[in-house]
Amino acid sequence: MPSKRIRRRPASATSSPAAPSLIAPLPTSEYKPSDLTIKDTAHKGKGVFTSVAIPQGTCIISETPLVTFPDTFTPAEALAVVARCSEDDRQKFMAFTYSPAYTNQDPVFGIAKTNCVPMASLRQAGLFETICRVNHDCRPNSEYFWDHTLGKEVLYALVDIPAGEELTVCYSDLLERRERRAWLTSNFGFNCKCESCTLPSTELAQSNQRMTKLSEIIAATPMLIRINPVSAIAQIHQSLAIIEQEKCWGCGPSQAYDALQICVAWRDLPNAKIWAGRAAELFGRCRGLDGENAVRMRAYARDPTSHMLWGALGTRKLSS
């Protein structure tokens, strides 16, 4: 099924990250329904807007599903699932629109395939009354994911979001703009016209080059861990600079965690602490400072030797 989807600001690749400040997690702030409004947009159907300013790294919404489906399902199975819903929930479900790709299918199937998001740990997909109204942007201001500890889909602010702004997420993990736009057109029936996709031609070409480089770095990192870990760290610095410039924040945590694992595997204690702190900040941005990933990274920053890969590849001093 089409899958609507991938912290503190990372330092530049040309600078050395400061030692992490192991701050205690901030309380999660969930916003009241009255703070959020679902209303028509100029070109994207309905969207979700905030009436209050939302700080970066805080929880905006946590939501249980209106209806759930298996991670793969047929039109007949979709109809059976929705038939078991209450009349009120069926009306809410049928108020969603669906991609032109499903024009020749039953509307129930089209709505489910277009709007459901993965509930990864349950091997299910859910339709959420508010979160599934959040529209796409290639440079989103928020990110959602299934929080298995809460049993809810949660939406976090990736940046400070001003009052009156529309909430957005990126529906695809594809980094190459041409591939991502083609995927969005095929699965959701729209040509993305976000700010990133409508840059002037020279800026767009430069952005495409950066995103291509980012994709190459992410693909190459696993191969460099053993044979050239110093180069791997240098490339991760470069990737974080691109992520900051392109505002594709969802890629940041895994890159910082890769750097942490490289330092851990090569028994480089000082740099492992630095990268664990960086990973904690980036996970905090995407998934909350009190989220399990950020908490685990702060634990590694205090004691990198607790990581299961400690010393797995030997001992080597690496650049931070």
C-alpha atoms as a PDB file:
ATOM      1  CA  MET A   1       0.000   0.000   0.000  1.00  0.00           C
ATOM      2  CA  PRO A   2       1.186   3.561  -0.493  1.00  0.00           C
ATOM      3  CA  SER A   3       2.837   4.448   2.777  1.00  0.00           C
ATOM      4  CA  LYS A   4       2.535   7.981   4.093  1.00  0.00           C
ATOM      5  CA  ARG A   5       5.536   8.255   6.136  1.00  0.00           C
ATOM      6  CA  ILE A   6      10.702   9.619   7.207  1.00  0.00           C
ATOM      7  CA  ARG A   7      16.445  16.808  17.548  1.00  0.00           C
ATOM      8  CA  ARG A   8      18.489  19.691  17.561  1.00  0.00           C
ATOM      9  CA  ARG A   9      20.050  21.291  14.524  1.00  0.00           C
ATOM     10  CA  PRO A  10      23.192  19.319  13.532  1.00  0.00           C
ATOM     11  CA  ALA A  11      26.502  21.129  13.371  1.00  0.00           C
ATOM     12  CA  SER A  12      28.096  21.934  10.036  1.00  0.00           C
ATOM     13  CA  ALA A  13      30.247  19.267   8.444  1.00  0.00           C
ATOM     14  CA  THR A  14      33.183  21.638   8.616  1.00  0.00           C
ATOM     15  CA  SER A  15      32.985  22.150  12.358  1.00  0.00           C
ATOM     16  CA  SER A  16      33.649  19.844  15.258  1.00  0.00           C
ATOM     17  CA  PRO A  17      30.572  19.058  17.335  1.00  0.00           C
ATOM     18  CA  ALA A  18      30.674  20.252  20.892  1.00  0.00           C
ATOM     19  CA  ALA A  19      30.536  17.709  23.680  1.00  0.00           C
ATOM     20  CA  PRO A  20      26.921  16.815  24.358  1.00  0.00           C
ATOM     21  CA  SER A  21      24.988  18.503  27.111  1.00  0.00           C
ATOM     22  CA  LEU A  22      23.004  15.675  28.663  1.00  0.00           C
ATOM     23  CA  ILE A  23      19.903  17.688  29.369  1.00  0.00           C
ATOM     24  CA  ALA A  24      16.927  16.028  30.959  1.00  0.00           C
ATOM     25  CA  PRO A  25      14.034  15.357  28.593  1.00  0.00           C
ATOM     26  CA  LEU A  26      11.490  18.112  28.279  1.00  0.00           C
ATOM     27  CA  PRO A  27       7.877  17.226  29.072  1.00  0.00           C
ATOM     28  CA  THR A  28       5.873  16.228  26.015  1.00  0.00           C
ATOM     29  CA  SER A  29       3.322  18.912  25.131  1.00  0.00           C
ATOM     30  CA  GLU A  30       0.282  17.592  23.339  1.00  0.00           C
ATOM     31  CA  TYR A  31      -1.952  20.235  21.832  1.00  0.00           C
ATOM     32  CA  LYS A  32      -5.691  20.515  22.412  1.00  0.00           C
ATOM     33  CA  PRO A  33      -8.050  19.706  19.522  1.00  0.00           C
ATOM     34  CA  SER A  34      -9.124  23.356  19.621  1.00  0.00           C
ATOM     35  CA  ASP A  35      -5.539  24.358  18.737  1.00  0.00           C
ATOM     36  CA  LEU A  36      -5.748  22.467  15.438  1.00  0.00           C
ATOM     37  CA  THR A  37      -8.164  23.082  12.582  1.00  0.00           C
ATOM     38  CA  ILE A  38      -8.955  20.898   9.575  1.00  0.00           C
ATOM     39  CA  LYS A  39      -9.878  23.167   6.677  1.00  0.00           C
ATOM     40  CA  ASP A  40      -9.670  23.469   2.899  1.00  0.00           C
ATOM     41  CA  THR A  41      -6.361  24.415   1.299  1.00  0.00           C
ATOM     42  CA  ALA A  42      -5.779  26.172  -2.016  1.00  0.00           C
ATOM     43  CA  HIS A  43      -4.518  23.127  -3.939  1.00  0.00           C
ATOM     44  CA  LYS A  44      -4.327  20.102  -1.631  1.00  0.00           C
ATOM     45  CA  GLY A  45      -7.857  19.435  -0.442  1.00  0.00           C
ATOM     46  CA  LYS A  46      -8.211  19.548   3.322  1.00  0.00           C
ATOM     47  CA  GLY A  47      -5.233  20.131   5.606  1.00  0.00           C
ATOM     48  CA  VAL A  48      -4.430  20.557   9.291  1.00  0.00           C
ATOM     49  CA  PHE A  49      -3.522  24.042  10.598  1.00  0.00           C
ATOM     50  CA  THR A  50      -2.350  25.182  14.016  1.00  0.00           C
ATOM     51  CA  SER A  51      -3.767  28.253  15.745  1.00  0.00           C
ATOM     52  CA  VAL A  52      -0.874  28.358  18.245  1.00  0.00           C
ATOM     53  CA  ALA A  53       2.914  28.405  17.922  1.00  0.00           C
ATOM     54  CA  ILE A  54       4.414  24.918  18.338  1.00  0.00           C
ATOM     55  CA  PRO A  55       8.036  24.533  19.512  1.00  0.00           C
ATOM     56  CA  GLN A  56      10.388  22.151  17.734  1.00  0.00           C
ATOM     57  CA  GLY A  57      10.624  18.632  19.173  1.00  0.00           C
ATOM     58  CA  THR A  58       7.240  18.563  20.935  1.00  0.00           C
ATOM     59  CA  CYS A  59       4.361  16.185  20.408  1.00  0.00           C
ATOM     60  CA  ILE A  60       1.511  17.802  18.504  1.00  0.00           C
ATOM     61  CA  ILE A  61      -0.926  14.881  18.311  1.00  0.00           C
ATOM     62  CA  SER A  62      -1.164  11.334  19.618  1.00  0.00           C
ATOM     63  CA  GLU A  63      -4.063   9.435  18.137  1.00  0.00           C
ATOM     64  CA  THR A  64      -5.663   6.010  18.143  1.00  0.00           C
ATOM     65  CA  PRO A  65      -6.872   4.727  14.764  1.00  0.00           C
ATOM     66  CA  LEU A  66     -10.382   5.288  13.517  1.00  0.00           C
ATOM     67  CA  VAL A  67     -10.090   1.932  11.746  1.00  0.00           C
ATOM     68  CA  THR A  68      -7.273  -0.576  11.158  1.00  0.00           C
ATOM     69  CA  PHE A  69      -6.469  -2.897   8.255  1.00  0.00           C
ATOM     70  CA  PRO A  70      -3.928  -5.688   7.726  1.00  0.00           C
ATOM     71  CA  ASP A  71      -0.706  -4.373   6.194  1.00  0.00           C
ATOM     72  CA  THR A  72      -1.893  -5.879   2.892  1.00  0.00           C
ATOM     73  CA  PHE A  73      -5.573  -6.288   2.032  1.00  0.00           C
ATOM     74  CA  THR A  74      -7.986  -6.799  -0.847  1.00  0.00           C
ATOM     75  CA  PRO A  75     -11.003  -4.621  -1.754  1.00  0.00           C
ATOM     76  CA  ALA A  76     -13.312  -7.231  -0.238  1.00  0.00           C
ATOM     77  CA  GLU A  77     -11.322  -7.270   3.011  1.00  0.00           C
ATOM     78  CA  ALA A  78     -11.431  -3.463   3.169  1.00  0.00           C
ATOM     79  CA  LEU A  79     -15.215  -3.478   2.776  1.00  0.00           C
ATOM     80  CA  ALA A  80     -15.550  -6.090   5.515  1.00  0.00           C
ATOM     81  CA  VAL A  81     -13.422  -4.074   7.931  1.00  0.00           C
ATOM     82  CA  VAL A  82     -15.348  -0.835   7.397  1.00  0.00           C
ATOM     83  CA  ALA A  83     -18.685  -2.668   7.600  1.00  0.00           C
ATOM     84  CA  ARG A  84     -17.834  -3.601  11.201  1.00  0.00           C
ATOM     85  CA  CYS A  85     -17.330   0.070  12.184  1.00  0.00           C
ATOM     86  CA  SER A  86     -19.957   2.138  13.955  1.00  0.00           C
ATOM     87  CA  GLU A  87     -22.097   4.390  11.775  1.00  0.00           C
ATOM     88  CA  ASP A  88     -20.297   7.460  13.122  1.00  0.00           C
ATOM     89  CA  ASP A  89     -16.853   6.015  12.320  1.00  0.00           C
ATOM     90  CA  ARG A  90     -18.009   4.940   8.849  1.00  0.00           C
ATOM     91  CA  GLN A  91     -19.121   8.499   8.095  1.00  0.00           C
ATOM     92  CA  LYS A  92     -15.775   9.874   9.270  1.00  0.00           C
ATOM     93  CA  PHE A  93     -13.974   7.291   7.121  1.00  0.00           C
ATOM     94  CA  MET A  94     -16.020   8.055   4.015  1.00  0.00           C
ATOM     95  CA  ALA A  95     -15.305  11.789   4.388  1.00  0.00           C
ATOM     96  CA  PHE A  96     -11.733  11.131   3.173  1.00  0.00           C
ATOM     97  CA  THR A  97     -10.885  11.397  -0.517  1.00  0.00           C
ATOM     98  CA  TYR A  98      -8.698   9.033  -2.501  1.00  0.00           C
ATOM     99  CA  SER A  99      -6.111   9.000  -5.263  1.00  0.00           C
ATOM    100  CA  PRO A 100      -7.184   8.896  -8.937  1.00  0.00           C
ATOM    101  CA  ALA A 101      -5.140   5.686  -9.105  1.00  0.00           C
ATOM    102  CA  TYR A 102      -8.107   3.971  -7.415  1.00  0.00           C
ATOM    103  CA  THR A 103     -10.885   5.549  -9.513  1.00  0.00           C
ATOM    104  CA  ASN A 104     -11.965   2.150 -10.844  1.00  0.00           C
ATOM    105  CA  GLN A 105     -11.969   0.557  -7.380  1.00  0.00           C
ATOM    106  CA  ASP A 106     -14.562   0.650  -4.621  1.00  0.00           C
ATOM    107  CA  PRO A 107     -14.264   3.994  -2.751  1.00  0.00           C
ATOM    108  CA  VAL A 108     -13.673   2.184   0.557  1.00  0.00           C
ATOM    109  CA  PHE A 109     -10.617   0.453  -0.886  1.00  0.00           C
ATOM    110  CA  GLY A 110      -9.393   3.704  -2.478  1.00  0.00           C
ATOM    111  CA  ILE A 111      -9.738   5.656   0.764  1.00  0.00           C
ATOM    112  CA  ALA A 112      -7.899   2.991   2.756  1.00  0.00           C
ATOM    113  CA  LYS A 113      -5.045   2.625   0.254  1.00  0.00           C
ATOM    114  CA  THR A 114      -4.584   6.379  -0.108  1.00  0.00           C
ATOM    115  CA  ASN A 115      -4.862   7.503   3.502  1.00  0.00           C
ATOM    116  CA  CYS A 116      -3.764   4.727   5.857  1.00  0.00           C
ATOM    117  CA  VAL A 117      -0.351   4.921   7.534  1.00  0.00           C
ATOM    118  CA  PRO A 118       1.735   1.989   8.813  1.00  0.00           C
ATOM    119  CA  MET A 119       1.515   0.817  12.416  1.00  0.00           C
ATOM    120  CA  ALA A 120       4.860  -0.893  12.029  1.00  0.00           C
ATOM    121  CA  SER A 121       5.180  -3.052  15.132  1.00  0.00           C
ATOM    122  CA  LEU A 122       1.645  -4.429  14.658  1.00  0.00           C
ATOM    123  CA  ARG A 123       1.972  -5.237  10.921  1.00  0.00           C
ATOM    124  CA  GLN A 124      -1.178  -3.188  10.427  1.00  0.00           C
ATOM    125  CA  ALA A 125      -2.166   0.101   8.821  1.00  0.00           C
ATOM    126  CA  GLY A 126      -4.488   2.624  10.379  1.00  0.00           C
ATOM    127  CA  LEU A 127      -6.607   5.540   9.307  1.00  0.00           C
ATOM    128  CA  PHE A 128      -6.334   8.356  11.855  1.00  0.00           C
ATOM    129  CA  GLU A 129      -8.951  11.082  11.903  1.00  0.00           C
ATOM    130  CA  THR A 130      -6.563  14.052  12.207  1.00  0.00           C
ATOM    131  CA  ILE A 131      -3.069  12.769  11.378  1.00  0.00           C
ATOM    132  CA  CYS A 132      -4.207  11.313   8.047  1.00  0.00           C
ATOM    133  CA  ARG A 133      -5.375  14.814   7.037  1.00  0.00           C
ATOM    134  CA  VAL A 134      -1.807  16.155   7.245  1.00  0.00           C
ATOM    135  CA  ASN A 135      -0.581  17.003   3.746  1.00  0.00           C
ATOM    136  CA  HIS A 136       2.759  16.327   2.067  1.00  0.00           C
ATOM    137  CA  ASP A 137       5.731  18.670   1.744  1.00  0.00           C
ATOM    138  CA  CYS A 138       9.245  17.678   0.659  1.00  0.00           C
ATOM    139  CA  ARG A 139      10.571  19.926   3.448  1.00  0.00           C
ATOM    140  CA  PRO A 140       8.020  19.107   6.146  1.00  0.00           C
ATOM    141  CA  ASN A 141       7.594  20.807   9.489  1.00  0.00           C
ATOM    142  CA  SER A 142       6.545  17.631  11.304  1.00  0.00           C
ATOM    143  CA  GLU A 143       6.896  13.864  11.259  1.00  0.00           C
ATOM    144  CA  TYR A 144       4.648  11.032  12.384  1.00  0.00           C
ATOM    145  CA  PHE A 145       5.281   7.452  13.423  1.00  0.00           C
ATOM    146  CA  TRP A 146       3.670   4.605  15.341  1.00  0.00           C
ATOM    147  CA  ASP A 147       4.672   4.746  19.019  1.00  0.00           C
ATOM    148  CA  HIS A 148       4.341   1.143  20.170  1.00  0.00           C
ATOM    149  CA  THR A 149       4.772   2.087  23.842  1.00  0.00           C
ATOM    150  CA  LEU A 150       1.756   4.408  23.689  1.00  0.00           C
ATOM    151  CA  GLY A 151      -0.195   2.326  21.180  1.00  0.00           C
ATOM    152  CA  LYS A 152      -0.814   5.515  19.202  1.00  0.00           C
ATOM    153  CA  GLU A 153       0.279   7.331  16.055  1.00  0.00           C
ATOM    154  CA  VAL A 154       2.170  10.451  17.122  1.00  0.00           C
ATOM    155  CA  LEU A 155       3.069  13.647  15.269  1.00  0.00           C
ATOM    156  CA  TYR A 156       6.139  15.664  16.310  1.00  0.00           C
ATOM    157  CA  ALA A 157       7.266  19.149  15.288  1.00  0.00           C
ATOM    158  CA  LEU A 158      10.579  19.054  13.383  1.00  0.00           C
ATOM    159  CA  VAL A 159      10.934  22.849  13.509  1.00  0.00           C
ATOM    160  CA  ASP A 160       9.327  25.737  15.339  1.00  0.00           C
ATOM    161  CA  ILE A 161       5.905  26.068  13.685  1.00  0.00           C
ATOM    162  CA  PRO A 162       4.274  29.522  13.777  1.00  0.00           C
ATOM    163  CA  ALA A 163       0.611  30.001  14.599  1.00  0.00           C
ATOM    164  CA  GLY A 164      -1.553  29.820  11.489  1.00  0.00           C
ATOM    165  CA  GLU A 165       0.777  27.491   9.568  1.00  0.00           C
ATOM    166  CA  GLU A 166      -0.286  24.243   7.936  1.00  0.00           C
ATOM    167  CA  LEU A 167       1.211  21.055   9.396  1.00  0.00           C
ATOM    168  CA  THR A 168       3.042  18.942   6.814  1.00  0.00           C
ATOM    169  CA  VAL A 169       4.904  15.633   6.621  1.00  0.00           C
ATOM    170  CA  CYS A 170       6.880  13.915   3.873  1.00  0.00           C
ATOM    171  CA  TYR A 171       4.992  10.930   2.463  1.00  0.00           C
ATOM    172  CA  SER A 172       8.092   9.278   0.993  1.00  0.00           C
ATOM    173  CA  ASP A 173      11.585   8.304   2.152  1.00  0.00           C
ATOM    174  CA  LEU A 174      12.929   8.632  -1.406  1.00  0.00           C
ATOM    175  CA  LEU A 175      15.713  11.223  -1.457  1.00  0.00           C
ATOM    176  CA  GLU A 176      16.036  11.756  -5.211  1.00  0.00           C
ATOM    177  CA  ARG A 177      13.498  14.455  -6.097  1.00  0.00           C
ATOM    178  CA  ARG A 178      12.610  13.019  -9.516  1.00  0.00           C
ATOM    179  CA  GLU A 179      11.951   9.565  -8.034  1.00  0.00           C
ATOM    180  CA  ARG A 180       9.972  11.017  -5.130  1.00  0.00           C
ATOM    181  CA  ARG A 181       7.765  13.191  -7.350  1.00  0.00           C
ATOM    182  CA  ALA A 182       7.088  10.257  -9.694  1.00  0.00           C
ATOM    183  CA  TRP A 183       6.144   8.079  -6.704  1.00  0.00           C
ATOM    184  CA  LEU A 184       3.809  10.750  -5.330  1.00  0.00           C
ATOM    185  CA  THR A 185       2.107  11.150  -8.715  1.00  0.00           C
ATOM    186  CA  SER A 186       1.712   7.398  -9.141  1.00  0.00           C
ATOM    187  CA  ASN A 187       0.393   6.680  -5.648  1.00  0.00           C
ATOM    188  CA  PHE A 188      -1.419   9.866  -4.668  1.00  0.00           C
ATOM    189  CA  GLY A 189      -2.239  11.486  -7.996  1.00  0.00           C
ATOM    190  CA  PHE A 190      -0.623  14.893  -7.497  1.00  0.00           C
ATOM    191  CA  ASN A 191       2.404  16.728  -8.818  1.00  0.00           C
ATOM    192  CA  CYS A 192       4.225  18.149  -5.818  1.00  0.00           C
ATOM    193  CA  LYS A 193       4.363  21.938  -5.920  1.00  0.00           C
ATOM    194  CA  CYS A 194       5.912  22.551  -2.522  1.00  0.00           C
ATOM    195  CA  GLU A 195       8.500  25.291  -2.046  1.00  0.00           C
ATOM    196  CA  SER A 196      11.346  22.812  -2.518  1.00  0.00           C
ATOM    197  CA  CYS A 197       9.987  21.471  -5.829  1.00  0.00           C
ATOM    198  CA  THR A 198       9.318  24.933  -7.270  1.00  0.00           C
ATOM    199  CA  LEU A 199      12.681  26.557  -6.617  1.00  0.00           C
ATOM    200  CA  PRO A 200      14.189  28.639  -9.450  1.00  0.00           C
ATOM    201  CA  SER A 201      15.962  26.393 -11.946  1.00  0.00           C
ATOM    202  CA  THR A 202      19.522  27.105 -10.737  1.00  0.00           C
ATOM    203  CA  GLU A 203      18.638  26.572  -7.076  1.00  0.00           C
ATOM    204  CA  LEU A 204      16.637  23.463  -7.963  1.00  0.00           C
ATOM    205  CA  ALA A 205      19.615  21.963  -9.815  1.00  0.00           C
ATOM    206  CA  GLN A 206      21.882  22.660  -6.831  1.00  0.00           C
ATOM    207  CA  SER A 207      19.359  21.130  -4.458  1.00  0.00           C
ATOM    208  CA  ASN A 208      19.082  18.039  -6.671  1.00  0.00           C
ATOM    209  CA  GLN A 209      22.878  17.668  -6.620  1.00  0.00           C
ATOM    210  CA  ARG A 210      22.939  17.851  -2.835  1.00  0.00           C
ATOM    211  CA  MET A 211      20.175  15.275  -2.467  1.00  0.00           C
ATOM    212  CA  THR A 212      21.909  12.944  -4.921  1.00  0.00           C
ATOM    213  CA  LYS A 213      25.092  13.275  -2.856  1.00  0.00           C
ATOM    214  CA  LEU A 214      23.168  12.562   0.340  1.00  0.00           C
ATOM    215  CA  SER A 215      21.696   9.414  -1.186  1.00  0.00           C
ATOM    216  CA  GLU A 216      25.176   8.279  -2.254  1.00  0.00           C
ATOM    217  CA  ILE A 217      26.640   8.878   1.211  1.00  0.00           C
ATOM    218  CA  ILE A 218      23.876   6.938   2.955  1.00  0.00           C
ATOM    219  CA  ALA A 219      24.355   4.021   0.548  1.00  0.00           C
ATOM    220  CA  ALA A 220      28.160   4.006   0.927  1.00  0.00           C
ATOM    221  CA  THR A 221      28.461   4.346   4.715  1.00  0.00           C
ATOM    222  CA  PRO A 222      27.985   0.643   5.610  1.00  0.00           C
ATOM    223  CA  MET A 223      30.803  -0.366   3.239  1.00  0.00           C
ATOM    224  CA  LEU A 224      33.231   2.165   4.736  1.00  0.00           C
ATOM    225  CA  ILE A 225      32.784   1.212   8.397  1.00  0.00           C
ATOM    226  CA  ARG A 226      35.453  -1.507   8.251  1.00  0.00           C
ATOM    227  CA  ILE A 227      37.721  -0.413   5.414  1.00  0.00           C
ATOM    228  CA  ASN A 228      37.859   3.348   5.983  1.00  0.00           C
ATOM    229  CA  PRO A 229      36.029   4.511   9.121  1.00  0.00           C
ATOM    230  CA  VAL A 230      37.718   7.938   9.044  1.00  0.00           C
ATOM    231  CA  SER A 231      36.241   8.557   5.588  1.00  0.00           C
ATOM    232  CA  ALA A 232      32.869   7.296   6.792  1.00  0.00           C
ATOM    233  CA  ILE A 233      32.837   9.849   9.630  1.00  0.00           C
ATOM    234  CA  ALA A 234      33.866  12.636   7.226  1.00  0.00           C
ATOM    235  CA  GLN A 235      31.041  11.715   4.867  1.00  0.00           C
ATOM    236  CA  ILE A 236      28.521  11.651   7.710  1.00  0.00           C
ATOM    237  CA  HIS A 237      29.613  15.207   8.573  1.00  0.00           C
ATOM    238  CA  GLN A 238      28.899  16.125   4.951  1.00  0.00           C
ATOM    239  CA  SER A 239      25.527  14.391   5.035  1.00  0.00           C
ATOM    240  CA  LEU A 240      24.462  16.293   8.153  1.00  0.00           C
ATOM    241  CA  ALA A 241      25.385  19.583   6.488  1.00  0.00           C
ATOM    242  CA  ILE A 242      23.198  18.626   3.510  1.00  0.00           C
ATOM    243  CA  ILE A 243      20.358  17.571   5.798  1.00  0.00           C
ATOM    244  CA  GLU A 244      20.480  20.950   7.517  1.00  0.00           C
ATOM    245  CA  GLN A 245      20.571  22.835   4.228  1.00  0.00           C
ATOM    246  CA  GLU A 246      17.777  20.778   2.648  1.00  0.00           C
ATOM    247  CA  LYS A 247      15.730  20.558   5.854  1.00  0.00           C
ATOM    248  CA  CYS A 248      15.181  16.799   5.413  1.00  0.00           C
ATOM    249  CA  TRP A 249      15.475  16.286   9.159  1.00  0.00           C
ATOM    250  CA  GLY A 250      14.174  12.722   9.181  1.00  0.00           C
ATOM    251  CA  CYS A 251      17.485  11.466   7.732  1.00  0.00           C
ATOM    252  CA  GLY A 252      19.582  12.959  10.531  1.00  0.00           C
ATOM    253  CA  PRO A 253      19.161  10.553  13.455  1.00  0.00           C
ATOM    254  CA  SER A 254      20.237   7.446  11.552  1.00  0.00           C
ATOM    255  CA  GLN A 255      23.332   9.234  10.208  1.00  0.00           C
ATOM    256  CA  ALA A 256      24.435  10.359  13.666  1.00  0.00           C
ATOM    257  CA  TYR A 257      23.735   6.875  15.023  1.00  0.00           C
ATOM    258  CA  ASP A 258      25.884   5.352  12.265  1.00  0.00           C
ATOM    259  CA  ALA A 259      28.741   7.616  13.359  1.00  0.00           C
ATOM    260  CA  LEU A 260      28.200   6.548  16.962  1.00  0.00           C
ATOM    261  CA  GLN A 261      28.328   2.871  15.993  1.00  0.00           C
ATOM    262  CA  ILE A 262      31.547   3.414  14.022  1.00  0.00           C
ATOM    263  CA  CYS A 263      33.222   5.059  17.028  1.00  0.00           C
ATOM    264  CA  VAL A 264      31.912   2.365  19.360  1.00  0.00           C
ATOM    265  CA  ALA A 265      33.064  -0.490  17.136  1.00  0.00           C
ATOM    266  CA  TRP A 266      36.561   1.058  16.957  1.00  0.00           C
ATOM    267  CA  ARG A 267      36.690   1.712  20.719  1.00  0.00           C
ATOM    268  CA  ASP A 268      37.003   5.512  20.356  1.00  0.00           C
ATOM    269  CA  LEU A 269      35.479   6.627  23.667  1.00  0.00           C
ATOM    270  CA  PRO A 270      35.688  10.461  23.375  1.00  0.00           C
ATOM    271  CA  ASN A 271      34.169  10.583  19.898  1.00  0.00           C
ATOM    272  CA  ALA A 272      31.572   7.943  20.754  1.00  0.00           C
ATOM    273  CA  LYS A 273      30.333  10.249  23.528  1.00  0.00           C
ATOM    274  CA  ILE A 274      30.175  13.199  21.133  1.00  0.00           C
ATOM    275  CA  TRP A 275      28.226  11.280  18.489  1.00  0.00           C
ATOM    276  CA  ALA A 276      25.871   9.755  21.065  1.00  0.00           C
ATOM    277  CA  GLY A 277      25.038  13.285  22.178  1.00  0.00           C
ATOM    278  CA  ARG A 278      24.487  14.351  18.580  1.00  0.00           C
ATOM    279  CA  ALA A 279      22.233  11.346  17.958  1.00  0.00           C
ATOM    280  CA  ALA A 280      20.251  12.146  21.120  1.00  0.00           C
ATOM    281  CA  GLU A 281      19.652  15.692  19.892  1.00  0.00           C
ATOM    282  CA  LEU A 282      18.552  14.552  16.436  1.00  0.00           C
ATOM    283  CA  PHE A 283      16.307  11.776  17.723  1.00  0.00           C
ATOM    284  CA  GLY A 284      14.854  14.323  20.145  1.00  0.00           C
ATOM    285  CA  ARG A 285      14.009  16.585  17.235  1.00  0.00           C
ATOM    286  CA  CYS A 286      12.216  13.867  15.266  1.00  0.00           C
ATOM    287  CA  ARG A 287      10.743  11.712  18.010  1.00  0.00           C
ATOM    288  CA  GLY A 288      10.772  13.759  21.176  1.00  0.00           C
ATOM    289  CA  LEU A 289      13.428  14.325  23.837  1.00  0.00           C
ATOM    290  CA  ASP A 290      11.569  11.875  26.071  1.00  0.00           C
ATOM    291  CA  GLY A 291      11.264   9.248  23.309  1.00  0.00           C
ATOM    292  CA  GLU A 292      12.950   5.877  23.777  1.00  0.00           C
ATOM    293  CA  ASN A 293      15.568   6.528  21.074  1.00  0.00           C
ATOM    294  CA  ALA A 294      16.697   9.856  22.549  1.00  0.00           C
ATOM    295  CA  VAL A 295      16.781   8.358  26.033  1.00  0.00           C
ATOM    296  CA  ARG A 296      18.909   5.442  24.803  1.00  0.00           C
ATOM    297  CA  MET A 297      21.332   7.797  23.025  1.00  0.00           C
ATOM    298  CA  ARG A 298      21.780   9.834  26.210  1.00  0.00           C
ATOM    299  CA  ALA A 299      22.612   6.597  28.024  1.00  0.00           C
ATOM    300  CA  TYR A 300      25.263   5.810  25.411  1.00  0.00           C
ATOM    301  CA  ALA A 301      26.657   9.348  25.783  1.00  0.00           C
ATOM    302  CA  ARG A 302      27.180   8.647  29.477  1.00  0.00           C
ATOM    303  CA  ASP A 303      28.696   5.202  28.839  1.00  0.00           C
ATOM    304  CA  PRO A 304      29.452   4.204  25.232  1.00  0.00           C
ATOM    305  CA  THR A 305      30.981   0.928  26.458  1.00  0.00           C
ATOM    306  CA  SER A 306      27.445  -0.298  27.206  1.00  0.00           C
ATOM    307  CA  HIS A 307      26.765  -0.534  23.448  1.00  0.00           C
ATOM    308  CA  MET A 308      26.784  -4.128  22.199  1.00  0.00           C
ATOM    309  CA  LEU A 309      29.305  -3.266  19.445  1.00  0.00           C
ATOM    310  CA  TRP A 310      31.920  -1.818  21.804  1.00  0.00           C
ATOM    311  CA  GLY A 311      35.379  -2.770  20.491  1.00  0.00           C
ATOM    312  CA  ALA A 312      34.002  -5.144  17.850  1.00  0.00           C
ATOM    313  CA  LEU A 313      36.476  -3.952  15.187  1.00  0.00           C
ATOM    314  CA  GLY A 314      39.482  -3.102  17.348  1.00  0.00           C
ATOM    315  CA  THR A 315      40.915   0.196  18.605  1.00  0.00           C
ATOM    316  CA  ARG A 316      41.372   3.303  16.494  1.00  0.00           C
ATOM    317  CA  LYS A 317      41.248   7.057  17.020  1.00  0.00           C
ATOM    318  CA  LEU A 318      38.700   8.630  14.683  1.00  0.00           C
ATOM    319  CA  SER A 319      37.812  12.202  13.882  1.00  0.00           C
ATOM    320  CA  SER A 320      34.707  13.613  15.523  1.00  0.00           C
END
